[in-house]
């Protein structure tokens, strides 16, 4: 699967799946891109700083 990084966040090439959120980010919330239809099972694994994920469809 081809992937793209957007501000450090890893998505698939079509930006329809959030694959991985980086562990080094200091944000406590994240807005998933419009058009994303899937969040990977381990996308936020061990990301303790994230409290809120907003997902608009």
PDB file of N, CA and C in Angstrom:
ATOM      1  N   UNK A   1       0.845  -1.180   0.000  1.00  0.00           N
ATOM      2  CA  UNK A   1       0.000   0.000   0.000  1.00  0.00           C
ATOM      3  C   UNK A   1       0.890   1.243   0.000  1.00  0.00           C
ATOM      4  N   UNK A   2       0.630   2.140  -0.924  1.00  0.00           N
ATOM      5  CA  UNK A   2       1.352   3.419  -0.946  1.00  0.00           C
ATOM      6  C   UNK A   2       0.775   4.328   0.125  1.00  0.00           C
ATOM      7  N   UNK A   3       1.659   5.124   0.731  1.00  0.00           N
ATOM      8  CA  UNK A   3       1.241   5.983   1.835  1.00  0.00           C
ATOM      9  C   UNK A   3       1.749   7.398   1.642  1.00  0.00           C
ATOM     10  N   UNK A   4       1.079   8.343   2.295  1.00  0.00           N
ATOM     11  CA  UNK A   4       1.505   9.744   2.280  1.00  0.00           C
ATOM     12  C   UNK A   4       1.508  10.271   3.712  1.00  0.00           C
ATOM     13  N   UNK A   5       2.435  11.178   3.977  1.00  0.00           N
ATOM     14  CA  UNK A   5       2.524  11.841   5.276  1.00  0.00           C
ATOM     15  C   UNK A   5       1.930  13.242   5.128  1.00  0.00           C
ATOM     16  N   UNK A   6       1.012  13.587   6.009  1.00  0.00           N
ATOM     17  CA  UNK A   6       0.437  14.933   6.048  1.00  0.00           C
ATOM     18  C   UNK A   6       0.657  15.479   7.457  1.00  0.00           C
ATOM     19  N   UNK A   7       1.587  16.411   7.573  1.00  0.00           N
ATOM     20  CA  UNK A   7       1.955  16.971   8.880  1.00  0.00           C
ATOM     21  C   UNK A   7       2.348  15.866   9.858  1.00  0.00           C
ATOM     22  N   UNK A   8       3.015  14.845   9.347  1.00  0.00           N
ATOM     23  CA  UNK A   8       3.475  13.750  10.182  1.00  0.00           C
ATOM     24  C   UNK A   8       2.497  12.605  10.350  1.00  0.00           C
ATOM     25  N   UNK A   9       1.244  12.817   9.977  1.00  0.00           N
ATOM     26  CA  UNK A   9       0.210  11.778  10.108  1.00  0.00           C
ATOM     27  C   UNK A   9       0.216  10.935   8.835  1.00  0.00           C
ATOM     28  N   UNK A  10       0.219   9.628   9.002  1.00  0.00           N
ATOM     29  CA  UNK A  10       0.329   8.714   7.872  1.00  0.00           C
ATOM     30  C   UNK A  10      -1.051   8.266   7.402  1.00  0.00           C
ATOM     31  N   UNK A  11      -1.311   8.523   6.115  1.00  0.00           N
ATOM     32  CA  UNK A  11      -2.557   8.108   5.453  1.00  0.00           C
ATOM     33  C   UNK A  11      -2.203   7.217   4.273  1.00  0.00           C
ATOM     34  N   UNK A  12      -3.187   6.465   3.784  1.00  0.00           N
ATOM     35  CA  UNK A  12      -2.953   5.748   2.534  1.00  0.00           C
ATOM     36  C   UNK A  12      -2.938   6.768   1.394  1.00  0.00           C
ATOM     37  N   UNK A  13      -2.519   6.329   0.213  1.00  0.00           N
ATOM     38  CA  UNK A  13      -2.336   7.229  -0.927  1.00  0.00           C
ATOM     39  C   UNK A  13      -3.593   8.047  -1.254  1.00  0.00           C
ATOM     40  N   UNK A  14      -4.771   7.429  -1.138  1.00  0.00           N
ATOM     41  CA  UNK A  14      -6.034   8.108  -1.472  1.00  0.00           C
ATOM     42  C   UNK A  14      -6.574   8.965  -0.329  1.00  0.00           C
ATOM     43  N   UNK A  15      -5.885   8.921   0.808  1.00  0.00           N
ATOM     44  CA  UNK A  15      -6.293   9.660   2.013  1.00  0.00           C
ATOM     45  C   UNK A  15      -7.666   9.228   2.512  1.00  0.00           C
ATOM     46  N   UNK A  16      -7.986   7.960   2.316  1.00  0.00           N
ATOM     47  CA  UNK A  16      -9.253   7.421   2.809  1.00  0.00           C
ATOM     48  C   UNK A  16      -9.061   6.614   4.086  1.00  0.00           C
ATOM     49  N   UNK A  17      -7.805   6.341   4.449  1.00  0.00           N
ATOM     50  CA  UNK A  17      -7.521   5.608   5.687  1.00  0.00           C
ATOM     51  C   UNK A  17      -6.405   6.289   6.459  1.00  0.00           C
ATOM     52  N   UNK A  18      -6.668   6.587   7.715  1.00  0.00           N
ATOM     53  CA  UNK A  18      -5.631   7.085   8.611  1.00  0.00           C
ATOM     54  C   UNK A  18      -4.893   5.847   9.128  1.00  0.00           C
ATOM     55  N   UNK A  19      -3.645   5.724   8.761  1.00  0.00           N
ATOM     56  CA  UNK A  19      -2.866   4.537   9.085  1.00  0.00           C
ATOM     57  C   UNK A  19      -2.192   4.663  10.448  1.00  0.00           C
ATOM     58  N   UNK A  20      -1.540   5.816  10.701  1.00  0.00           N
ATOM     59  CA  UNK A  20      -0.793   5.971  11.951  1.00  0.00           C
ATOM     60  C   UNK A  20      -0.647   7.442  12.319  1.00  0.00           C
ATOM     61  N   UNK A  21      -0.936   7.729  13.563  1.00  0.00           N
ATOM     62  CA  UNK A  21      -0.713   9.058  14.124  1.00  0.00           C
ATOM     63  C   UNK A  21       0.625   9.002  14.860  1.00  0.00           C
ATOM     64  N   UNK A  22       1.524   9.958  14.620  1.00  0.00           N
ATOM     65  CA  UNK A  22       2.865   9.873  15.205  1.00  0.00           C
ATOM     66  C   UNK A  22       2.883  10.053  16.723  1.00  0.00           C
ATOM     67  N   UNK A  23       3.753   9.319  17.360  1.00  0.00           N
ATOM     68  CA  UNK A  23       3.841   9.368  18.826  1.00  0.00           C
ATOM     69  C   UNK A  23       4.463  10.664  19.338  1.00  0.00           C
ATOM     70  N   UNK A  24       5.245  11.354  18.522  1.00  0.00           N
ATOM     71  CA  UNK A  24       5.938  12.553  18.975  1.00  0.00           C
ATOM     72  C   UNK A  24       5.127  13.834  18.939  1.00  0.00           C
ATOM     73  N   UNK A  25       3.904  13.782  18.436  1.00  0.00           N
ATOM     74  CA  UNK A  25       3.086  15.007  18.361  1.00  0.00           C
ATOM     75  C   UNK A  25       2.595  15.413  19.748  1.00  0.00           C
ATOM     76  N   UNK A  26       2.545  16.723  19.995  1.00  0.00           N
ATOM     77  CA  UNK A  26       2.126  17.239  21.300  1.00  0.00           C
ATOM     78  C   UNK A  26       0.650  17.607  21.376  1.00  0.00           C
ATOM     79  N   UNK A  27      -0.075  17.445  20.298  1.00  0.00           N
ATOM     80  CA  UNK A  27      -1.488  17.817  20.292  1.00  0.00           C
ATOM     81  C   UNK A  27      -2.303  16.893  21.192  1.00  0.00           C
ATOM     82  N   UNK A  28      -3.357  17.447  21.804  1.00  0.00           N
ATOM     83  CA  UNK A  28      -4.248  16.614  22.613  1.00  0.00           C
ATOM     84  C   UNK A  28      -5.498  16.234  21.824  1.00  0.00           C
ATOM     85  N   UNK A  29      -5.675  16.834  20.628  1.00  0.00           N
ATOM     86  CA  UNK A  29      -6.822  16.489  19.784  1.00  0.00           C
ATOM     87  C   UNK A  29      -6.378  16.470  18.320  1.00  0.00           C
ATOM     88  N   UNK A  30      -7.149  15.777  17.508  1.00  0.00           N
ATOM     89  CA  UNK A  30      -6.838  15.686  16.087  1.00  0.00           C
ATOM     90  C   UNK A  30      -8.129  15.596  15.291  1.00  0.00           C
ATOM     91  N   UNK A  31      -8.214  16.374  14.203  1.00  0.00           N
ATOM     92  CA  UNK A  31      -9.344  16.319  13.283  1.00  0.00           C
ATOM     93  C   UNK A  31      -8.946  15.465  12.087  1.00  0.00           C
ATOM     94  N   UNK A  32      -9.608  14.348  11.917  1.00  0.00           N
ATOM     95  CA  UNK A  32      -9.336  13.445  10.807  1.00  0.00           C
ATOM     96  C   UNK A  32      -9.753  14.138   9.510  1.00  0.00           C
ATOM     97  N   UNK A  33      -8.987  13.921   8.452  1.00  0.00           N
ATOM     98  CA  UNK A  33      -9.274  14.549   7.153  1.00  0.00           C
ATOM     99  C   UNK A  33     -10.656  14.208   6.618  1.00  0.00           C
ATOM    100  N   UNK A  34     -11.290  15.188   5.978  1.00  0.00           N
ATOM    101  CA  UNK A  34     -12.524  14.918   5.236  1.00  0.00           C
ATOM    102  C   UNK A  34     -12.222  13.861   4.186  1.00  0.00           C
ATOM    103  N   UNK A  35     -13.127  12.940   3.977  1.00  0.00           N
ATOM    104  CA  UNK A  35     -12.926  11.889   2.991  1.00  0.00           C
ATOM    105  C   UNK A  35     -12.343  10.617   3.576  1.00  0.00           C
ATOM    106  N   UNK A  36     -11.881  10.682   4.829  1.00  0.00           N
ATOM    107  CA  UNK A  36     -11.362   9.484   5.482  1.00  0.00           C
ATOM    108  C   UNK A  36     -12.540   8.593   5.846  1.00  0.00           C
ATOM    109  N   UNK A  37     -12.456   7.331   5.448  1.00  0.00           N
ATOM    110  CA  UNK A  37     -13.560   6.409   5.735  1.00  0.00           C
ATOM    111  C   UNK A  37     -13.148   5.309   6.714  1.00  0.00           C
ATOM    112  N   UNK A  38     -11.857   5.256   7.050  1.00  0.00           N
ATOM    113  CA  UNK A  38     -11.375   4.195   7.922  1.00  0.00           C
ATOM    114  C   UNK A  38     -10.213   4.713   8.764  1.00  0.00           C
ATOM    115  N   UNK A  39     -10.196   4.317  10.018  1.00  0.00           N
ATOM    116  CA  UNK A  39      -9.066   4.607  10.893  1.00  0.00           C
ATOM    117  C   UNK A  39      -8.440   3.269  11.245  1.00  0.00           C
ATOM    118  N   UNK A  40      -7.163   3.132  10.959  1.00  0.00           N
ATOM    119  CA  UNK A  40      -6.468   1.874  11.210  1.00  0.00           C
ATOM    120  C   UNK A  40      -6.599   1.421  12.651  1.00  0.00           C
ATOM    121  N   UNK A  41      -6.653   0.126  12.831  1.00  0.00           N
ATOM    122  CA  UNK A  41      -6.867  -0.465  14.154  1.00  0.00           C
ATOM    123  C   UNK A  41      -5.845   0.008  15.183  1.00  0.00           C
ATOM    124  N   UNK A  42      -4.627   0.233  14.764  1.00  0.00           N
ATOM    125  CA  UNK A  42      -3.567   0.655  15.688  1.00  0.00           C
ATOM    126  C   UNK A  42      -3.109   2.089  15.439  1.00  0.00           C
ATOM    127  N   UNK A  43      -3.911   2.876  14.763  1.00  0.00           N
ATOM    128  CA  UNK A  43      -3.515   4.233  14.377  1.00  0.00           C
ATOM    129  C   UNK A  43      -3.145   5.115  15.569  1.00  0.00           C
ATOM    130  N   UNK A  44      -3.836   4.948  16.684  1.00  0.00           N
ATOM    131  CA  UNK A  44      -3.580   5.777  17.863  1.00  0.00           C
ATOM    132  C   UNK A  44      -3.042   4.957  19.034  1.00  0.00           C
ATOM    133  N   UNK A  45      -2.544   3.781  18.766  1.00  0.00           N
ATOM    134  CA  UNK A  45      -2.028   2.915  19.827  1.00  0.00           C
ATOM    135  C   UNK A  45      -0.866   3.586  20.558  1.00  0.00           C
ATOM    136  N   UNK A  46      -0.936   3.579  21.879  1.00  0.00           N
ATOM    137  CA  UNK A  46       0.094   4.157  22.758  1.00  0.00           C
ATOM    138  C   UNK A  46       0.316   5.651  22.531  1.00  0.00           C
ATOM    139  N   UNK A  47      -0.676   6.344  22.043  1.00  0.00           N
ATOM    140  CA  UNK A  47      -0.591   7.802  21.864  1.00  0.00           C
ATOM    141  C   UNK A  47      -1.296   8.445  23.049  1.00  0.00           C
ATOM    142  N   UNK A  48      -0.598   8.565  24.156  1.00  0.00           N
ATOM    143  CA  UNK A  48      -1.202   8.984  25.418  1.00  0.00           C
ATOM    144  C   UNK A  48      -1.611  10.455  25.452  1.00  0.00           C
ATOM    145  N   UNK A  49      -1.020  11.291  24.614  1.00  0.00           N
ATOM    146  CA  UNK A  49      -1.350  12.720  24.632  1.00  0.00           C
ATOM    147  C   UNK A  49      -2.677  13.019  23.944  1.00  0.00           C
ATOM    148  N   UNK A  50      -3.121  12.138  23.075  1.00  0.00           N
ATOM    149  CA  UNK A  50      -4.391  12.353  22.361  1.00  0.00           C
ATOM    150  C   UNK A  50      -5.564  12.029  23.283  1.00  0.00           C
ATOM    151  N   UNK A  51      -6.441  13.008  23.452  1.00  0.00           N
ATOM    152  CA  UNK A  51      -7.624  12.815  24.277  1.00  0.00           C
ATOM    153  C   UNK A  51      -8.878  12.763  23.399  1.00  0.00           C
ATOM    154  N   UNK A  52      -8.842  13.505  22.281  1.00  0.00           N
ATOM    155  CA  UNK A  52     -10.041  13.645  21.449  1.00  0.00           C
ATOM    156  C   UNK A  52      -9.667  13.513  19.971  1.00  0.00           C
ATOM    157  N   UNK A  53     -10.429  12.691  19.270  1.00  0.00           N
ATOM    158  CA  UNK A  53     -10.290  12.555  17.824  1.00  0.00           C
ATOM    159  C   UNK A  53     -11.624  12.919  17.205  1.00  0.00           C
ATOM    160  N   UNK A  54     -11.648  13.922  16.337  1.00  0.00           N
ATOM    161  CA  UNK A  54     -12.884  14.339  15.666  1.00  0.00           C
ATOM    162  C   UNK A  54     -12.895  13.758  14.266  1.00  0.00           C
ATOM    163  N   UNK A  55     -14.012  13.151  13.936  1.00  0.00           N
ATOM    164  CA  UNK A  55     -14.151  12.431  12.670  1.00  0.00           C
ATOM    165  C   UNK A  55     -15.472  12.844  12.034  1.00  0.00           C
ATOM    166  N   UNK A  56     -15.385  13.671  11.002  1.00  0.00           N
ATOM    167  CA  UNK A  56     -16.579  14.201  10.346  1.00  0.00           C
ATOM    168  C   UNK A  56     -16.782  13.504   9.021  1.00  0.00           C
ATOM    169  N   UNK A  57     -17.959  12.988   8.766  1.00  0.00           N
ATOM    170  CA  UNK A  57     -18.263  12.334   7.491  1.00  0.00           C
ATOM    171  C   UNK A  57     -19.481  12.965   6.898  1.00  0.00           C
TER     172      UNK A  57
END
